[in-house]
Amino acid sequence: MPGARGAHGSPPRRRIGLLGGTFDPVHIAHLALARAALAHLALDELRFVPTGRSWQKARAGASAKQRIAMLRIAVAELPRTRIDERETKRAGASYTIDTLVELRAQLGESAALVWIVGSDQLRNLPTWHRWEELLRYAHLAVARRGDDTLEGLDARVRALVDERTQHELPDEPAGSIVFFPMEPMRVSGSELRDRIARGEQPVELLPARVLDYIDRNRLYRAAPGGR
């Protein structure tokens, strides 16, 4: 449980998890990742960080306001969880490193920042803007799904993993990589949007109240005259 850490009787360092993504829409795999992180990383707080204009993806199907509204519905029952809207308010492209720099400046050097990703994003790490600087500002917590062997890592990422991996997060503000387990769960946001555009109701992949919001606001529907 949070609050049990701290060396030599010192107060435990506040530990803030950060889960970024487009969340267009938020689905069950996002929520499973959040629950696994809360269960295994002893987080005091988990922040969902929806992207603004993602430089790696085409324009989102829902507006930032709508994506945030769906997130609020989805995370209402998750403990110690909030939504950080800073990237949706930032002009221009949205980079993780900028968010970490801002948070470190706001929270100071004492808090531990923990950026949470799936192992697929660990493989993509060299495509991130200024990725080599991430561990200066945060720890990296990687959800390892099932029997993922982490094959195919870029040599630079492999070297970083070999050098920085710990069995558990140390009581430090940043600098380490840890792995935590998560059940395999393959859900694609683009496939979800395509299914909804075709008139399907993917009730097995979306929280019921999120799907209701999508229906009421007619999100992801095919344009009139389209396919």
C-alpha atoms as a PDB file:
ATOM      1  CA  MET A   1       0.000   0.000   0.000  1.00  0.00           C
ATOM      2  CA  PRO A   2       1.152   3.612  -0.552  1.00  0.00           C
ATOM      3  CA  GLY A   3       2.850   5.057   2.491  1.00  0.00           C
ATOM      4  CA  ALA A   4       4.835   1.911   3.359  1.00  0.00           C
ATOM      5  CA  ARG A   5       8.092   3.074   1.764  1.00  0.00           C
ATOM      6  CA  GLY A   6      10.945   5.213   3.052  1.00  0.00           C
ATOM      7  CA  ALA A   7      14.444   4.313   4.151  1.00  0.00           C
ATOM      8  CA  HIS A   8      15.676   4.455   7.757  1.00  0.00           C
ATOM      9  CA  GLY A   9      12.334   5.692   9.071  1.00  0.00           C
ATOM     10  CA  SER A  10      12.112   8.620   6.650  1.00  0.00           C
ATOM     11  CA  PRO A  11       8.683   9.620   5.282  1.00  0.00           C
ATOM     12  CA  PRO A  12       7.842   7.783   2.064  1.00  0.00           C
ATOM     13  CA  ARG A  13       8.481   9.650  -1.157  1.00  0.00           C
ATOM     14  CA  ARG A  14       5.241  10.583  -2.938  1.00  0.00           C
ATOM     15  CA  ARG A  15       4.895   8.375  -6.005  1.00  0.00           C
ATOM     16  CA  ILE A  16       2.856   9.695  -8.957  1.00  0.00           C
ATOM     17  CA  GLY A  17       2.041   7.407 -11.871  1.00  0.00           C
ATOM     18  CA  LEU A  18       1.468   8.932 -15.310  1.00  0.00           C
ATOM     19  CA  LEU A  19      -0.443   7.110 -18.036  1.00  0.00           C
ATOM     20  CA  GLY A  20      -0.462   8.919 -21.360  1.00  0.00           C
ATOM     21  CA  GLY A  21      -2.420   8.207 -24.512  1.00  0.00           C
ATOM     22  CA  THR A  22      -4.930   9.496 -27.005  1.00  0.00           C
ATOM     23  CA  PHE A  23      -7.801   7.658 -25.272  1.00  0.00           C
ATOM     24  CA  ASP A  24      -9.896   7.939 -28.414  1.00  0.00           C
ATOM     25  CA  PRO A  25     -11.880   6.277 -26.922  1.00  0.00           C
ATOM     26  CA  VAL A  26     -10.726   5.022 -23.530  1.00  0.00           C
ATOM     27  CA  HIS A  27     -11.244   1.244 -23.473  1.00  0.00           C
ATOM     28  CA  ILE A  28     -10.875  -1.780 -21.223  1.00  0.00           C
ATOM     29  CA  ALA A  29      -7.165  -2.293 -21.952  1.00  0.00           C
ATOM     30  CA  HIS A  30      -6.392   1.256 -20.754  1.00  0.00           C
ATOM     31  CA  LEU A  31      -8.285   0.571 -17.543  1.00  0.00           C
ATOM     32  CA  ALA A  32      -6.620  -2.816 -17.073  1.00  0.00           C
ATOM     33  CA  LEU A  33      -3.212  -1.161 -17.436  1.00  0.00           C
ATOM     34  CA  ALA A  34      -4.184   1.449 -14.830  1.00  0.00           C
ATOM     35  CA  ARG A  35      -5.392  -1.217 -12.385  1.00  0.00           C
ATOM     36  CA  ALA A  36      -2.223  -3.265 -12.843  1.00  0.00           C
ATOM     37  CA  ALA A  37      -0.060  -0.200 -12.211  1.00  0.00           C
ATOM     38  CA  LEU A  38      -2.015   0.709  -9.076  1.00  0.00           C
ATOM     39  CA  ALA A  39      -1.729  -2.873  -7.835  1.00  0.00           C
ATOM     40  CA  HIS A  40       1.985  -3.396  -8.453  1.00  0.00           C
ATOM     41  CA  LEU A  41       3.710   0.005  -8.207  1.00  0.00           C
ATOM     42  CA  ALA A  42       2.452   1.286  -4.825  1.00  0.00           C
ATOM     43  CA  LEU A  43       1.345   4.562  -6.411  1.00  0.00           C
ATOM     44  CA  ASP A  44       0.018   7.356  -4.254  1.00  0.00           C
ATOM     45  CA  GLU A  45      -1.692   8.839  -7.286  1.00  0.00           C
ATOM     46  CA  LEU A  46      -2.320   7.858 -10.908  1.00  0.00           C
ATOM     47  CA  ARG A  47      -2.834  10.538 -13.533  1.00  0.00           C
ATOM     48  CA  PHE A  48      -4.253   9.854 -16.962  1.00  0.00           C
ATOM     49  CA  VAL A  49      -2.584  12.280 -19.388  1.00  0.00           C
ATOM     50  CA  PRO A  50      -4.582  12.552 -22.632  1.00  0.00           C
ATOM     51  CA  THR A  51      -2.586  13.874 -25.561  1.00  0.00           C
ATOM     52  CA  GLY A  52      -3.377  17.102 -27.296  1.00  0.00           C
ATOM     53  CA  ARG A  53      -2.240  17.006 -30.911  1.00  0.00           C
ATOM     54  CA  SER A  54      -0.215  13.821 -31.063  1.00  0.00           C
ATOM     55  CA  TRP A  55       2.751  14.100 -33.440  1.00  0.00           C
ATOM     56  CA  GLN A  56       2.687  10.310 -34.026  1.00  0.00           C
ATOM     57  CA  LYS A  57      -0.995   9.932 -34.884  1.00  0.00           C
ATOM     58  CA  ALA A  58      -3.518  11.403 -37.253  1.00  0.00           C
ATOM     59  CA  ARG A  59      -6.117  13.784 -35.853  1.00  0.00           C
ATOM     60  CA  ALA A  60      -8.209  12.235 -33.104  1.00  0.00           C
ATOM     61  CA  GLY A  61     -11.746  11.197 -33.962  1.00  0.00           C
ATOM     62  CA  ALA A  62     -13.191  12.862 -30.858  1.00  0.00           C
ATOM     63  CA  SER A  63     -12.361  16.333 -29.582  1.00  0.00           C
ATOM     64  CA  ALA A  64     -10.121  16.776 -26.556  1.00  0.00           C
ATOM     65  CA  LYS A  65     -13.178  17.829 -24.530  1.00  0.00           C
ATOM     66  CA  GLN A  66     -15.028  14.645 -25.546  1.00  0.00           C
ATOM     67  CA  ARG A  67     -12.030  12.396 -24.850  1.00  0.00           C
ATOM     68  CA  ILE A  68     -11.669  13.932 -21.391  1.00  0.00           C
ATOM     69  CA  ALA A  69     -15.395  13.486 -20.740  1.00  0.00           C
ATOM     70  CA  MET A  70     -15.129   9.775 -21.615  1.00  0.00           C
ATOM     71  CA  LEU A  71     -12.088   9.447 -19.356  1.00  0.00           C
ATOM     72  CA  ARG A  72     -13.940  11.031 -16.448  1.00  0.00           C
ATOM     73  CA  ILE A  73     -16.734   8.497 -16.888  1.00  0.00           C
ATOM     74  CA  ALA A  74     -14.330   5.550 -17.174  1.00  0.00           C
ATOM     75  CA  VAL A  75     -12.088   6.334 -14.195  1.00  0.00           C
ATOM     76  CA  ALA A  76     -14.798   7.428 -11.773  1.00  0.00           C
ATOM     77  CA  GLU A  77     -14.474   4.225  -9.732  1.00  0.00           C
ATOM     78  CA  LEU A  78     -10.683   3.846  -9.890  1.00  0.00           C
ATOM     79  CA  PRO A  79      -8.935   4.742  -6.616  1.00  0.00           C
ATOM     80  CA  ARG A  80      -6.324   7.498  -6.318  1.00  0.00           C
ATOM     81  CA  THR A  81      -6.902   8.546  -9.920  1.00  0.00           C
ATOM     82  CA  ARG A  82      -7.251  11.889 -11.663  1.00  0.00           C
ATOM     83  CA  ILE A  83      -6.984  13.376 -15.163  1.00  0.00           C
ATOM     84  CA  ASP A  84      -4.173  15.781 -16.065  1.00  0.00           C
ATOM     85  CA  GLU A  85      -5.333  17.945 -18.974  1.00  0.00           C
ATOM     86  CA  ARG A  86      -2.117  19.872 -19.614  1.00  0.00           C
ATOM     87  CA  GLU A  87      -1.296  18.292 -22.979  1.00  0.00           C
ATOM     88  CA  THR A  88      -4.742  19.079 -24.381  1.00  0.00           C
ATOM     89  CA  LYS A  89      -4.143  22.752 -23.558  1.00  0.00           C
ATOM     90  CA  ARG A  90      -0.683  22.906 -25.101  1.00  0.00           C
ATOM     91  CA  ALA A  91      -0.293  24.514 -28.526  1.00  0.00           C
ATOM     92  CA  GLY A  92       1.479  22.476 -31.181  1.00  0.00           C
ATOM     93  CA  ALA A  93       2.720  18.912 -30.996  1.00  0.00           C
ATOM     94  CA  SER A  94       2.465  17.038 -27.701  1.00  0.00           C
ATOM     95  CA  TYR A  95       5.688  15.469 -26.368  1.00  0.00           C
ATOM     96  CA  THR A  96       6.076  13.342 -23.248  1.00  0.00           C
ATOM     97  CA  ILE A  97       9.402  14.968 -22.357  1.00  0.00           C
ATOM     98  CA  ASP A  98       7.762  18.415 -22.195  1.00  0.00           C
ATOM     99  CA  THR A  99       5.120  17.079 -19.818  1.00  0.00           C
ATOM    100  CA  LEU A 100       7.752  15.534 -17.555  1.00  0.00           C
ATOM    101  CA  VAL A 101       9.811  18.733 -17.504  1.00  0.00           C
ATOM    102  CA  GLU A 102       6.693  20.736 -16.544  1.00  0.00           C
ATOM    103  CA  LEU A 103       5.678  18.292 -13.826  1.00  0.00           C
ATOM    104  CA  ARG A 104       9.162  18.169 -12.350  1.00  0.00           C
ATOM    105  CA  ALA A 105       9.249  21.972 -12.214  1.00  0.00           C
ATOM    106  CA  GLN A 106       5.849  22.062 -10.514  1.00  0.00           C
ATOM    107  CA  LEU A 107       6.315  19.202  -8.071  1.00  0.00           C
ATOM    108  CA  GLY A 108       9.973  19.743  -7.234  1.00  0.00           C
ATOM    109  CA  GLU A 109      12.708  17.171  -6.846  1.00  0.00           C
ATOM    110  CA  SER A 110      11.178  15.127  -4.027  1.00  0.00           C
ATOM    111  CA  ALA A 111       8.253  13.424  -5.772  1.00  0.00           C
ATOM    112  CA  ALA A 112       8.812  10.246  -7.757  1.00  0.00           C
ATOM    113  CA  LEU A 113       7.328  10.433 -11.259  1.00  0.00           C
ATOM    114  CA  VAL A 114       6.522   7.085 -12.889  1.00  0.00           C
ATOM    115  CA  TRP A 115       5.699   7.060 -16.617  1.00  0.00           C
ATOM    116  CA  ILE A 116       3.670   3.937 -17.391  1.00  0.00           C
ATOM    117  CA  VAL A 117       3.807   2.165 -20.762  1.00  0.00           C
ATOM    118  CA  GLY A 118       3.150  -1.201 -22.331  1.00  0.00           C
ATOM    119  CA  SER A 119       6.050  -3.223 -23.679  1.00  0.00           C
ATOM    120  CA  ASP A 120       4.987  -2.273 -27.224  1.00  0.00           C
ATOM    121  CA  GLN A 121       5.839   1.335 -26.434  1.00  0.00           C
ATOM    122  CA  LEU A 122       9.181   0.269 -24.983  1.00  0.00           C
ATOM    123  CA  ARG A 123       9.982  -1.066 -28.452  1.00  0.00           C
ATOM    124  CA  ASN A 124       8.895   2.266 -29.958  1.00  0.00           C
ATOM    125  CA  LEU A 125      10.912   4.347 -27.490  1.00  0.00           C
ATOM    126  CA  PRO A 126      13.558   5.515 -30.021  1.00  0.00           C
ATOM    127  CA  THR A 127      10.779   7.221 -32.003  1.00  0.00           C
ATOM    128  CA  TRP A 128       9.900   9.438 -29.020  1.00  0.00           C
ATOM    129  CA  HIS A 129      11.136  13.006 -28.964  1.00  0.00           C
ATOM    130  CA  ARG A 130      14.264  13.308 -26.746  1.00  0.00           C
ATOM    131  CA  TRP A 131      13.651   9.817 -25.406  1.00  0.00           C
ATOM    132  CA  GLU A 132      17.161   9.564 -23.978  1.00  0.00           C
ATOM    133  CA  GLU A 133      16.238  12.266 -21.411  1.00  0.00           C
ATOM    134  CA  LEU A 134      13.111  10.587 -20.003  1.00  0.00           C
ATOM    135  CA  LEU A 135      14.864   8.900 -17.071  1.00  0.00           C
ATOM    136  CA  ARG A 136      16.309  12.221 -15.934  1.00  0.00           C
ATOM    137  CA  TYR A 137      12.767  13.234 -14.943  1.00  0.00           C
ATOM    138  CA  ALA A 138      10.908   9.989 -14.218  1.00  0.00           C
ATOM    139  CA  HIS A 139      11.061   6.266 -13.743  1.00  0.00           C
ATOM    140  CA  LEU A 140       9.746   4.096 -16.562  1.00  0.00           C
ATOM    141  CA  ALA A 141       7.292   1.355 -15.547  1.00  0.00           C
ATOM    142  CA  VAL A 142       6.644  -1.191 -18.282  1.00  0.00           C
ATOM    143  CA  ALA A 143       3.671  -3.553 -18.299  1.00  0.00           C
ATOM    144  CA  ARG A 144       4.933  -6.924 -19.448  1.00  0.00           C
ATOM    145  CA  ARG A 145       2.093  -8.929 -20.900  1.00  0.00           C
ATOM    146  CA  GLY A 146       2.034 -12.711 -20.694  1.00  0.00           C
ATOM    147  CA  ASP A 147       5.085 -14.367 -22.203  1.00  0.00           C
ATOM    148  CA  ASP A 148       6.487 -11.230 -23.866  1.00  0.00           C
ATOM    149  CA  THR A 149      10.228 -11.890 -24.222  1.00  0.00           C
ATOM    150  CA  LEU A 150      11.053  -8.290 -25.190  1.00  0.00           C
ATOM    151  CA  GLU A 151      12.707  -9.501 -28.362  1.00  0.00           C
ATOM    152  CA  GLY A 152      13.375  -6.932 -31.054  1.00  0.00           C
ATOM    153  CA  LEU A 153      14.375  -4.060 -28.776  1.00  0.00           C
ATOM    154  CA  ASP A 154      16.547  -1.407 -30.350  1.00  0.00           C
ATOM    155  CA  ALA A 155      20.142  -1.948 -29.169  1.00  0.00           C
ATOM    156  CA  ARG A 156      20.123   1.429 -27.411  1.00  0.00           C
ATOM    157  CA  VAL A 157      16.941   0.567 -25.533  1.00  0.00           C
ATOM    158  CA  ARG A 158      18.289  -2.894 -24.654  1.00  0.00           C
ATOM    159  CA  ALA A 159      21.423  -1.292 -23.201  1.00  0.00           C
ATOM    160  CA  LEU A 160      19.275   1.118 -21.177  1.00  0.00           C
ATOM    161  CA  VAL A 161      17.110  -1.743 -19.896  1.00  0.00           C
ATOM    162  CA  ASP A 162      20.178  -3.756 -18.903  1.00  0.00           C
ATOM    163  CA  GLU A 163      21.688  -0.780 -17.084  1.00  0.00           C
ATOM    164  CA  ARG A 164      18.647   0.728 -15.360  1.00  0.00           C
ATOM    165  CA  THR A 165      16.226  -2.119 -14.590  1.00  0.00           C
ATOM    166  CA  GLN A 166      15.392  -2.714 -10.902  1.00  0.00           C
ATOM    167  CA  HIS A 167      13.303  -5.467  -9.340  1.00  0.00           C
ATOM    168  CA  GLU A 168      11.102  -2.787  -7.783  1.00  0.00           C
ATOM    169  CA  LEU A 169      10.950   0.992  -7.852  1.00  0.00           C
ATOM    170  CA  PRO A 170      13.617   2.476  -5.580  1.00  0.00           C
ATOM    171  CA  ASP A 171      12.825   5.334  -3.228  1.00  0.00           C
ATOM    172  CA  GLU A 172      14.234   7.845  -5.701  1.00  0.00           C
ATOM    173  CA  PRO A 173      12.551  10.560  -7.815  1.00  0.00           C
ATOM    174  CA  ALA A 174      13.588   9.169 -11.223  1.00  0.00           C
ATOM    175  CA  GLY A 175      16.091   7.098 -13.146  1.00  0.00           C
ATOM    176  CA  SER A 176      15.004   3.441 -13.055  1.00  0.00           C
ATOM    177  CA  ILE A 177      13.096   0.988 -15.218  1.00  0.00           C
ATOM    178  CA  VAL A 178      10.788  -1.590 -13.660  1.00  0.00           C
ATOM    179  CA  PHE A 179       8.535  -4.232 -15.162  1.00  0.00           C
ATOM    180  CA  PHE A 180       5.163  -5.270 -13.774  1.00  0.00           C
ATOM    181  CA  PRO A 181       2.757  -7.981 -14.924  1.00  0.00           C
ATOM    182  CA  MET A 182      -0.443  -7.485 -16.877  1.00  0.00           C
ATOM    183  CA  GLU A 183      -2.752 -10.002 -18.521  1.00  0.00           C
ATOM    184  CA  PRO A 184      -2.486  -9.957 -22.342  1.00  0.00           C
ATOM    185  CA  MET A 185      -5.220  -7.750 -23.783  1.00  0.00           C
ATOM    186  CA  ARG A 186      -5.161  -6.642 -27.396  1.00  0.00           C
ATOM    187  CA  VAL A 187      -7.477  -3.734 -28.144  1.00  0.00           C
ATOM    188  CA  SER A 188      -6.953  -1.291 -31.011  1.00  0.00           C
ATOM    189  CA  GLY A 189      -8.457   2.187 -30.830  1.00  0.00           C
ATOM    190  CA  SER A 190      -8.579   2.463 -34.621  1.00  0.00           C
ATOM    191  CA  GLU A 191     -10.385  -0.883 -34.917  1.00  0.00           C
ATOM    192  CA  LEU A 192     -12.834   0.218 -32.227  1.00  0.00           C
ATOM    193  CA  ARG A 193     -13.598   3.419 -34.132  1.00  0.00           C
ATOM    194  CA  ASP A 194     -14.035   1.447 -37.361  1.00  0.00           C
ATOM    195  CA  ARG A 195     -16.452  -0.954 -35.683  1.00  0.00           C
ATOM    196  CA  ILE A 196     -18.515   1.899 -34.282  1.00  0.00           C
ATOM    197  CA  ALA A 197     -18.524   3.590 -37.697  1.00  0.00           C
ATOM    198  CA  ARG A 198     -19.995   0.371 -39.121  1.00  0.00           C
ATOM    199  CA  GLY A 199     -22.804   0.547 -36.566  1.00  0.00           C
ATOM    200  CA  GLU A 200     -21.460  -2.145 -34.244  1.00  0.00           C
ATOM    201  CA  GLN A 201     -21.707  -2.033 -30.446  1.00  0.00           C
ATOM    202  CA  PRO A 202     -18.393  -3.367 -29.032  1.00  0.00           C
ATOM    203  CA  VAL A 203     -19.787  -3.813 -25.535  1.00  0.00           C
ATOM    204  CA  GLU A 204     -17.003  -6.238 -24.602  1.00  0.00           C
ATOM    205  CA  LEU A 205     -14.294  -3.604 -25.152  1.00  0.00           C
ATOM    206  CA  LEU A 206     -15.788  -0.392 -23.760  1.00  0.00           C
ATOM    207  CA  PRO A 207     -17.208   0.526 -20.354  1.00  0.00           C
ATOM    208  CA  ALA A 208     -20.995   0.636 -20.708  1.00  0.00           C
ATOM    209  CA  ARG A 209     -21.286   4.304 -19.744  1.00  0.00           C
ATOM    210  CA  VAL A 210     -18.546   5.262 -22.214  1.00  0.00           C
ATOM    211  CA  LEU A 211     -20.370   3.444 -25.008  1.00  0.00           C
ATOM    212  CA  ASP A 212     -23.553   5.248 -23.968  1.00  0.00           C
ATOM    213  CA  TYR A 213     -21.697   8.593 -24.201  1.00  0.00           C
ATOM    214  CA  ILE A 214     -20.428   7.660 -27.680  1.00  0.00           C
ATOM    215  CA  ASP A 215     -23.962   6.772 -28.789  1.00  0.00           C
ATOM    216  CA  ARG A 216     -25.531   9.912 -27.353  1.00  0.00           C
ATOM    217  CA  ASN A 217     -22.925  12.143 -29.002  1.00  0.00           C
ATOM    218  CA  ARG A 218     -22.805  10.129 -32.233  1.00  0.00           C
ATOM    219  CA  LEU A 219     -19.012   9.862 -32.102  1.00  0.00           C
ATOM    220  CA  TYR A 220     -17.008   7.937 -34.707  1.00  0.00           C
ATOM    221  CA  ARG A 221     -20.002   7.598 -37.010  1.00  0.00           C
ATOM    222  CA  ALA A 222     -19.335   7.369 -40.738  1.00  0.00           C
ATOM    223  CA  ALA A 223     -19.904  10.653 -42.549  1.00  0.00           C
ATOM    224  CA  PRO A 224     -23.146  10.898 -44.540  1.00  0.00           C
ATOM    225  CA  GLY A 225     -22.584   9.398 -47.943  1.00  0.00           C
ATOM    226  CA  GLY A 226     -19.444   7.576 -46.716  1.00  0.00           C
ATOM    227  CA  ARG A 227     -18.869   3.896 -46.285  1.00  0.00           C
END
